[in-house]
Amino acid sequence: MTPWTLGHAAYDCLYLAAALAERCVLVTADAAFAAKTAAHPLYAGAVQQL
């Protein structure tokens, strides 16, 4: 996974990678990031917006 896959900041993608590695859901207040991951076939369901 790279930041270019989602078109988002690298640090958000690192948090997502950590959540995926630990098999847990990443909770975020960032609506744009949550929407981008929800639209991606591999990351849908991995992020939940507050």
Protein backbone atom coordinates (compact mmCIF):
# COMPACT_ATOMS: atom_id res chain seq x y z
CA MET A 1 0.00 0.00 0.00
CA THR A 2 1.25 3.45 -0.84
CA PRO A 3 -0.16 6.92 -0.24
CA TRP A 4 -0.71 7.13 -3.99
CA THR A 5 -3.15 4.21 -3.84
CA LEU A 6 -5.61 6.32 -1.88
CA GLY A 7 -4.31 9.76 -2.77
CA HIS A 8 -3.99 10.60 0.91
CA ALA A 9 -1.25 11.55 3.37
CA ALA A 10 1.45 8.97 4.05
CA TYR A 11 0.93 8.99 7.82
CA ASP A 12 -2.77 8.08 7.40
CA CYS A 13 -1.76 5.18 5.17
CA LEU A 14 0.74 4.02 7.79
CA TYR A 15 -2.02 3.98 10.42
CA LEU A 16 -4.18 2.00 7.99
CA ALA A 17 -1.35 -0.46 7.34
CA ALA A 18 -0.88 -0.96 11.08
CA ALA A 19 -4.61 -1.57 11.57
CA LEU A 20 -4.64 -4.08 8.72
CA ALA A 21 -1.58 -5.86 10.09
CA GLU A 22 -3.21 -6.13 13.52
CA ARG A 23 -6.56 -7.10 11.97
CA CYS A 24 -8.43 -4.31 13.68
CA VAL A 25 -10.52 -1.34 12.56
CA LEU A 26 -8.96 2.11 12.36
CA VAL A 27 -11.23 4.76 13.87
CA THR A 28 -10.78 8.25 12.46
CA ALA A 29 -12.42 11.67 12.51
CA ASP A 30 -11.12 12.33 8.99
CA ALA A 31 -14.22 12.04 6.78
CA ALA A 32 -12.25 12.27 3.54
CA PHE A 33 -9.92 9.43 4.53
CA ALA A 34 -12.84 7.27 5.67
CA ALA A 35 -14.64 7.87 2.38
CA LYS A 36 -11.57 7.04 0.29
CA THR A 37 -10.99 3.77 2.13
CA ALA A 38 -14.68 2.84 1.96
CA ALA A 39 -14.57 3.24 -1.82
CA HIS A 40 -11.43 1.09 -2.20
CA PRO A 41 -12.02 -2.64 -2.77
CA LEU A 42 -9.19 -3.78 -0.47
CA TYR A 43 -9.68 -1.34 2.39
CA ALA A 44 -13.48 -1.12 2.63
CA GLY A 45 -14.48 -1.93 6.17
CA ALA A 46 -11.01 -1.31 7.58
CA VAL A 47 -11.77 2.27 8.64
CA GLN A 48 -14.66 3.62 10.67
CA GLN A 49 -15.47 7.29 10.96
CA LEU A 50 -16.32 8.75 14.38
